[in-house]
Protein backbone atom coordinates (compact mmCIF):
# COMPACT_ATOMS: atom_id res chain seq x y z
CA MET A 1 83.26 80.65 -4.66
CA SER A 2 84.83 77.21 -4.99
CA PHE A 3 87.87 78.21 -2.89
CA GLN A 4 85.69 79.58 -0.10
CA ALA A 5 83.51 76.49 -0.20
CA THR A 6 86.50 74.18 0.27
CA ARG A 7 87.97 75.95 3.31
CA PRO A 8 85.66 74.32 5.89
CA ILE A 9 86.34 70.92 4.34
CA ARG A 10 90.09 71.53 4.40
CA LEU A 11 89.84 72.62 8.03
CA ILE A 12 87.93 69.46 8.96
CA VAL A 13 90.47 67.32 7.13
CA THR A 14 93.37 69.13 8.83
CA LEU A 15 91.86 68.70 12.29
CA SER A 16 91.07 65.05 11.51
CA ILE A 17 94.70 64.45 10.54
CA GLY A 18 95.83 66.18 13.73
CA THR A 19 93.40 64.13 15.81
CA MET A 20 94.65 60.87 14.33
CA GLY A 21 98.21 61.91 15.05
CA GLY A 22 97.27 62.85 18.59
CA TRP A 23 95.46 59.56 19.18
CA PHE A 24 98.43 57.58 17.86
CA MET A 25 100.86 59.47 20.11
CA SER A 26 98.56 58.98 23.12
CA GLN A 27 98.98 55.21 22.80
CA PHE A 28 102.61 55.64 23.88
CA GLN A 29 101.58 57.56 27.02
CA ILE A 30 103.65 60.60 26.04
CA PRO A 31 102.84 63.76 28.01
CA LEU A 32 101.01 66.29 25.84
CA ALA A 33 100.39 63.50 23.32
CA TRP A 34 97.44 65.15 21.56
CA MET A 35 99.40 68.32 20.88
CA LEU A 36 102.59 66.52 19.87
CA GLY A 37 100.84 64.07 17.57
CA SER A 38 98.78 66.71 15.80
CA MET A 39 101.81 69.00 15.49
CA LEU A 40 104.09 66.34 14.03
CA THR A 41 101.58 64.96 11.51
CA THR A 42 100.54 68.37 10.18
CA THR A 43 104.14 69.63 10.10
CA PHE A 44 105.22 66.58 8.09
CA ILE A 45 102.41 67.08 5.58
CA ALA A 46 102.94 70.88 5.46
CA MET A 47 106.59 70.41 4.52
CA SER A 48 106.02 67.49 2.16
CA GLY A 49 105.53 69.85 -0.77
CA ARG A 50 102.74 67.86 -2.39
CA TYR A 51 99.78 68.18 -0.07
CA GLY A 52 101.03 70.86 2.31
CA ASP A 53 99.03 73.66 0.70
CA LYS A 54 95.83 71.69 1.29
CA LEU A 55 96.05 72.17 5.05
CA GLN A 56 93.81 74.81 6.57
CA GLY A 57 93.99 76.44 9.99
CA SER A 58 91.32 78.51 11.73
CA PRO A 59 92.36 81.65 13.63
CA ARG A 60 88.88 81.88 15.15
CA LEU A 61 88.93 78.31 16.45
CA HIS A 62 92.47 78.88 17.70
CA THR A 63 91.27 81.94 19.62
CA ILE A 64 88.43 79.94 21.21
CA MET A 65 90.79 77.19 22.32
CA LEU A 66 93.26 79.71 23.73
CA ALA A 67 90.39 81.16 25.76
CA VAL A 68 89.52 77.68 27.05
CA LEU A 69 93.12 77.14 28.07
CA GLY A 70 93.24 80.59 29.64
CA VAL A 71 90.19 79.78 31.78
CA MET A 72 91.84 76.52 32.83
CA LEU A 73 95.06 78.25 33.82
CA GLY A 74 93.21 80.99 35.68
CA SER A 75 91.55 78.30 37.78
CA THR A 76 94.97 77.33 39.15
CA PHE A 77 95.44 80.74 40.80
CA THR A 78 94.32 79.94 44.32
CA PRO A 79 94.92 82.04 47.46
CA ASP A 80 98.05 79.93 48.03
CA VAL A 81 99.51 81.38 44.83
CA ILE A 82 99.33 84.90 46.25
CA ASP A 83 101.36 83.72 49.23
CA HIS A 84 104.03 82.34 46.89
CA LEU A 85 104.37 85.42 44.66
CA GLY A 86 106.96 86.90 47.00
CA ASN A 87 109.09 83.78 46.60
CA TRP A 88 108.95 84.12 42.83
CA ILE A 89 110.50 87.61 42.75
CA ASN A 90 113.99 86.10 42.68
CA THR A 91 113.34 83.87 39.68
CA LEU A 92 111.46 86.64 37.86
CA SER A 93 114.46 88.92 38.38
CA VAL A 94 116.79 86.26 37.00
CA MET A 95 114.42 85.95 34.04
CA THR A 96 115.21 89.55 33.07
CA GLY A 97 118.95 88.94 32.88
CA PHE A 98 118.40 85.56 31.26
CA VAL A 99 116.37 87.04 28.40
CA LEU A 100 118.96 89.77 27.80
CA LEU A 101 121.90 87.35 27.79
CA LEU A 102 120.10 84.77 25.66
CA THR A 103 119.19 87.39 23.07
CA ALA A 104 122.69 88.88 22.97
CA LEU A 105 124.37 85.51 22.42
CA GLY A 106 121.75 84.37 19.92
CA TYR A 107 122.01 87.61 17.97
CA THR A 108 125.80 87.34 17.78
CA GLY A 109 125.61 83.76 16.58
CA LEU A 110 123.02 84.43 13.87
CA ARG A 111 124.99 87.42 12.63
CA ARG A 112 128.37 85.70 12.47
CA LEU A 113 127.39 82.16 11.51
CA TYR A 114 124.43 82.78 9.20
CA LYS A 115 125.08 86.37 8.09
CA PHE A 116 121.55 87.56 8.88
CA ASN A 117 121.07 91.31 8.76
CA ARG A 118 120.73 93.09 12.11
CA PRO A 119 116.92 93.18 12.50
CA THR A 120 116.49 89.60 11.28
CA ALA A 121 119.15 88.29 13.66
CA PHE A 122 117.94 90.38 16.60
CA PHE A 123 114.25 89.47 16.42
CA SER A 124 115.00 85.84 15.54
CA ALA A 125 117.12 85.59 18.70
CA MET A 126 114.30 86.70 20.99
CA PRO A 127 113.24 83.79 23.25
CA GLY A 128 109.51 84.08 22.73
CA ASN A 129 106.50 86.08 21.49
CA PHE A 130 106.21 84.74 17.93
CA THR A 131 103.67 87.20 16.53
CA ALA A 132 105.12 90.40 17.99
CA MET A 133 108.67 89.50 16.95
CA VAL A 134 107.63 88.78 13.35
CA ILE A 135 105.61 92.00 13.03
CA THR A 136 108.12 94.25 14.80
CA GLY A 137 111.08 92.62 13.07
CA GLY A 138 109.47 93.21 9.68
CA GLU A 139 108.77 96.84 10.51
CA MET A 140 112.43 97.29 11.49
CA GLY A 141 113.65 95.94 8.15
CA GLY A 142 114.04 92.24 8.94
CA ASP A 143 113.04 89.28 6.80
CA GLU A 144 109.60 88.33 8.18
CA ARG A 145 109.63 84.84 6.65
CA THR A 146 113.00 83.99 8.19
CA ILE A 147 111.99 85.34 11.60
CA ALA A 148 108.69 83.44 11.47
CA LEU A 149 110.35 80.20 10.42
CA ILE A 150 113.01 80.33 13.15
CA HIS A 151 110.42 81.04 15.83
CA SER A 152 108.18 78.26 14.50
CA VAL A 153 111.07 75.79 14.72
CA ARG A 154 111.90 77.07 18.22
CA ILE A 155 108.36 76.48 19.45
CA MET A 156 108.09 73.08 17.78
CA LEU A 157 111.39 71.88 19.25
CA THR A 158 110.44 73.07 22.73
CA VAL A 159 107.06 71.36 22.60
CA LEU A 160 108.69 68.22 21.23
CA VAL A 161 111.80 67.86 23.39
CA ILE A 162 110.52 68.53 26.91
CA PRO A 163 107.68 65.97 27.04
CA PHE A 164 109.89 63.26 25.53
CA TRP A 165 112.64 64.16 27.98
CA PHE A 166 110.35 63.71 30.97
CA ARG A 167 108.82 60.57 29.49
CA PHE A 168 112.08 58.75 28.91
CA THR A 169 114.26 60.12 31.72
CA GLU A 170 111.76 60.37 34.57
CA GLY A 171 108.99 58.06 33.42
CA VAL A 172 106.29 60.74 33.36
CA VAL A 173 103.37 59.26 31.46
CA SER A 174 100.31 61.14 32.66
CA ALA A 175 98.51 63.77 30.63
CA ASN A 176 96.27 66.52 31.97
CA ARG A 177 97.09 65.66 35.58
CA ILE A 178 95.71 68.89 36.95
CA ALA A 179 93.60 68.37 40.04
CA ASP A 180 89.83 68.02 39.82
CA THR A 181 89.69 67.85 36.02
CA ILE A 182 86.42 66.12 35.17
CA SER A 183 84.65 64.80 32.11
CA LEU A 184 82.24 66.85 30.02
CA LEU A 185 79.53 64.33 30.92
CA ASN A 186 79.85 65.12 34.64
CA ILE A 187 80.20 68.90 34.63
CA ASP A 188 77.45 71.11 36.03
CA LEU A 189 75.76 73.09 33.23
CA LYS A 190 75.58 76.26 35.33
CA GLU A 191 79.29 76.03 36.07
CA MET A 192 79.99 75.41 32.37
CA ALA A 193 77.96 78.49 31.44
CA LEU A 194 79.85 80.57 34.01
CA LEU A 195 83.20 79.40 32.63
CA GLY A 196 82.02 80.31 29.13
CA LEU A 197 81.05 83.78 30.33
CA VAL A 198 84.45 84.14 32.00
CA GLY A 199 86.19 83.26 28.74
CA VAL A 200 84.13 85.67 26.63
CA ALA A 201 84.54 88.51 29.14
CA GLY A 202 88.27 87.89 29.28
CA VAL A 203 88.74 87.91 25.50
CA TYR A 204 86.69 91.02 24.76
CA GLY A 205 87.81 92.90 27.86
CA ALA A 206 91.49 92.33 27.08
CA LYS A 207 90.94 93.16 23.41
CA TRP A 208 89.23 96.43 24.38
CA ILE A 209 92.21 97.60 26.42
CA ARG A 210 94.61 96.30 23.73
CA MET A 211 96.31 93.78 25.95
CA PRO A 212 99.00 91.64 24.24
CA ALA A 213 97.90 88.06 23.51
CA TYR A 214 94.40 89.17 24.60
CA SER A 215 92.62 85.94 23.61
CA PHE A 216 94.76 84.02 26.09
CA VAL A 217 95.86 86.50 28.76
CA GLY A 218 92.39 88.02 29.24
CA PRO A 219 90.66 84.74 30.19
CA ILE A 220 93.58 83.91 32.52
CA ILE A 221 93.08 87.17 34.44
CA VAL A 222 89.27 86.98 34.67
CA SER A 223 89.34 83.27 35.55
CA ALA A 224 91.98 83.87 38.21
CA ALA A 225 89.82 86.62 39.70
CA VAL A 226 86.65 84.50 39.98
CA HIS A 227 88.59 81.57 41.41
CA LEU A 228 90.50 83.71 43.91
CA LEU A 229 87.18 85.21 45.02
CA ALA A 230 85.77 81.67 45.37
CA ILE A 231 82.89 82.45 43.00
CA THR A 232 83.55 79.06 41.40
CA SER A 233 86.02 76.21 41.65
CA ALA A 234 85.09 74.62 38.32
CA LYS A 235 87.57 73.90 35.54
CA PRO A 236 87.05 73.20 31.83
CA PRO A 237 86.48 69.45 31.19
CA ILE A 238 89.27 67.21 30.03
CA GLU A 239 87.68 66.78 26.58
CA MET A 240 88.01 70.52 25.96
CA ILE A 241 91.66 70.42 27.00
CA ASN A 242 92.35 67.59 24.55
CA ILE A 243 90.56 69.47 21.76
CA ALA A 244 92.63 72.56 22.60
CA GLN A 245 95.78 70.46 22.29
CA VAL A 246 94.78 69.29 18.81
CA VAL A 247 93.86 72.80 17.62
CA ILE A 248 97.07 74.36 18.95
CA GLY A 249 99.17 71.47 17.64
CA THR A 250 97.72 71.73 14.12
CA SER A 251 98.16 75.52 14.25
CA ILE A 252 101.88 75.05 14.86
CA GLY A 253 102.07 72.55 11.99
CA CYS A 254 100.21 74.87 9.61
CA ARG A 255 102.88 77.53 10.13
CA PHE A 256 105.15 75.38 7.96
CA VAL A 257 102.79 75.38 4.97
CA GLY A 258 104.78 76.46 1.93
CA THR A 259 108.08 75.56 3.57
CA SER A 260 110.23 72.87 1.99
CA VAL A 261 113.24 71.29 3.66
CA ARG A 262 115.01 71.33 0.31
CA LYS A 263 114.35 75.02 -0.36
CA VAL A 264 115.34 76.63 2.94
CA PRO A 265 117.78 74.21 4.61
CA ALA A 266 120.04 76.93 6.06
CA ILE A 267 117.16 78.78 7.73
CA LEU A 268 115.66 75.55 9.08
CA PHE A 269 119.03 74.46 10.41
CA SER A 270 119.62 77.84 12.05
CA GLY A 271 116.18 77.50 13.66
CA VAL A 272 117.08 74.07 15.03
CA VAL A 273 120.40 75.33 16.40
CA THR A 274 118.75 78.40 17.92
CA GLY A 275 115.96 76.37 19.50
CA LEU A 276 118.30 73.77 20.99
CA TYR A 277 120.62 76.50 22.28
CA MET A 278 117.73 78.23 24.06
CA LEU A 279 116.43 74.95 25.47
CA GLY A 280 119.88 74.06 26.75
CA ALA A 281 120.35 77.51 28.28
CA ALA A 282 116.97 77.22 30.03
CA ALA A 283 117.93 73.79 31.40
CA LEU A 284 121.26 75.18 32.63
CA ALA A 285 119.53 78.11 34.34
CA ALA A 286 117.04 75.72 35.95
CA SER A 287 119.79 73.41 37.23
CA ILE A 288 121.61 76.38 38.82
CA LEU A 289 118.49 77.97 40.35
CA SER A 290 116.84 74.79 41.65
CA PRO A 291 119.14 74.18 44.65
CA LEU A 292 119.22 77.91 45.42
CA THR A 293 115.46 78.47 45.35
CA LYS A 294 114.20 75.01 46.40
CA ILE A 295 111.96 75.04 43.33
CA SER A 296 111.97 71.88 41.25
CA PHE A 297 114.14 71.66 38.14
CA ALA A 298 111.06 70.73 36.08
CA ALA A 299 109.10 73.84 37.08
CA LEU A 300 112.08 76.11 36.45
CA TRP A 301 112.86 74.53 33.09
CA LEU A 302 109.29 75.04 31.93
CA ALA A 303 109.32 78.62 33.26
CA PHE A 304 112.54 79.51 31.39
CA ALA A 305 111.98 77.33 28.29
CA PRO A 306 111.66 79.22 24.98
CA GLY A 307 108.19 77.97 24.07
CA GLY A 308 105.11 80.04 23.43
CA LEU A 309 102.94 81.10 26.36
CA ALA A 310 100.03 78.86 25.39
CA GLU A 311 102.22 75.87 24.60
CA MET A 312 104.19 76.05 27.84
CA ALA A 313 101.05 76.58 29.88
CA MET A 314 99.51 73.51 28.26
CA MET A 315 102.69 71.58 28.98
CA SER A 316 102.61 72.50 32.66
CA ILE A 317 99.07 71.14 32.85
CA ALA A 318 100.02 67.94 31.06
CA LEU A 319 103.06 67.33 33.25
CA GLY A 320 101.30 68.20 36.48
CA ILE A 321 103.76 71.05 37.20
CA ASP A 322 102.50 74.19 38.96
CA PRO A 323 100.74 76.02 36.08
CA ALA A 324 100.49 79.27 38.02
CA PHE A 325 104.28 79.43 38.47
CA VAL A 326 104.99 78.64 34.82
CA THR A 327 102.31 80.97 33.49
CA THR A 328 103.41 83.89 35.68
CA HIS A 329 106.98 83.64 34.39
CA HIS A 330 105.92 83.41 30.75
CA LEU A 331 103.51 86.32 31.14
CA TYR A 332 106.37 88.36 32.58
CA ARG A 333 108.63 87.39 29.68
CA LEU A 334 105.86 88.26 27.19
CA ILE A 335 105.47 91.76 28.63
CA LEU A 336 109.24 92.18 28.86
CA LEU A 337 109.73 91.37 25.17
CA ILE A 338 106.82 93.42 23.90
CA VAL A 339 107.86 96.51 25.84
CA PHE A 340 111.64 96.39 25.59
CA ALA A 341 112.49 94.52 22.34
CA PRO A 342 111.89 97.55 20.05
CA LEU A 343 113.68 99.84 22.53
CA PHE A 344 116.75 97.61 22.78
CA TYR A 345 116.89 97.23 19.00
CA ARG A 346 116.92 101.02 18.56
CA LEU A 347 119.72 101.22 21.15
CA LEU A 348 121.62 98.57 19.17
CA GLU A 349 121.18 100.53 15.95
CA HIS A 350 122.34 103.71 17.67
CA TRP A 351 125.41 101.94 19.06
CA VAL A 352 126.31 100.44 15.67
CA SER A 353 125.81 103.81 13.98
CA ARG A 354 128.16 105.49 16.45
CA ARG A 355 130.79 102.80 15.88
CA VAL A 356 130.54 103.21 12.12
CA LYS A 357 130.92 106.99 12.37
CA LYS A 358 133.86 106.66 14.74
CA SER A 359 135.53 104.14 12.44
CA ALA A 360 134.94 106.42 9.46
CA MET A 361 136.67 109.28 11.26
CA VAL A 362 139.69 107.09 12.10
CA ASN A 363 139.90 105.43 8.65
CA PRO A 364 138.28 107.80 6.14
CA ASP A 365 139.79 105.93 3.16
CA ASN A 366 137.61 102.92 3.91
CA PHE A 367 134.42 104.98 3.52
CA THR A 368 135.02 106.85 0.27
CA ASP A 369 132.47 106.55 -2.51
């Protein structure tokens, strides 16, 4: 009874810590300040070893905030977006090869440098889809904790590096620069109720058909539909977006609860190396594609960056970069990984098995009991 009674208090304390961190970061006019500040403060405490286990996340609150963000992103899908979809086919096609190459190189590096077993290395090298990679990797015989930790570091680095990069190299200081974002005090109550209905319908509809990342993808689809049909042009208020940043930021930080820098230095370091490698590869791809496609480097970097779908969507809003373009590419990558990651791993296992059998036939003495 006492443990259950303390959970709401721990959640309030955790969110308060995240809010203070977000407020502090916002004073430096860093893009995505509320998410970055809450993420950094909770991550530091989570890994401190002394008070880390006192932090408390809330999956339900996280789901609600993802729905809010999904409604916001859906509102960016205007009729103009439909006209641009044909122009995005080229970059979406490149995304397919990019994901395959990135995974292959990452897998090779984790196997040779850190001696991870095959499933751990393979699913740790995937550039996205935290939850699915941890679950599928564990089912395939991988170390779930290692996979989860590497993906957590990857997401944290992506969320951390890109806003600071734009802040200090290009002077981007604005947050939530999406057009027509208004305050909660000025929003029409009927429009607010409609947006709430859109979010609920999106979550439960997507959950019913078992859509991946249903709490986020569902509201995007339903919101996009009502905005494309001109049923409404309203967007969630800026206060809700800031709250969503804090909730998502603290959720990232809480993933490090029970992790100590002193206890798992090799895994943490491999996560840092993997994350920076993926970020660098995404920047390289963006720099090559930008002059060829006439799409800005910033939009392409966000589209190819190895962050989570929600985090990168939030970042596109904060940086004022076309959220529809970024979201479409990350949705495509999400589906690509969910559908093909298990298939490609089975093909890898089959290929390795054939090599082992062939080697055993050529050198039978090496395979005697």
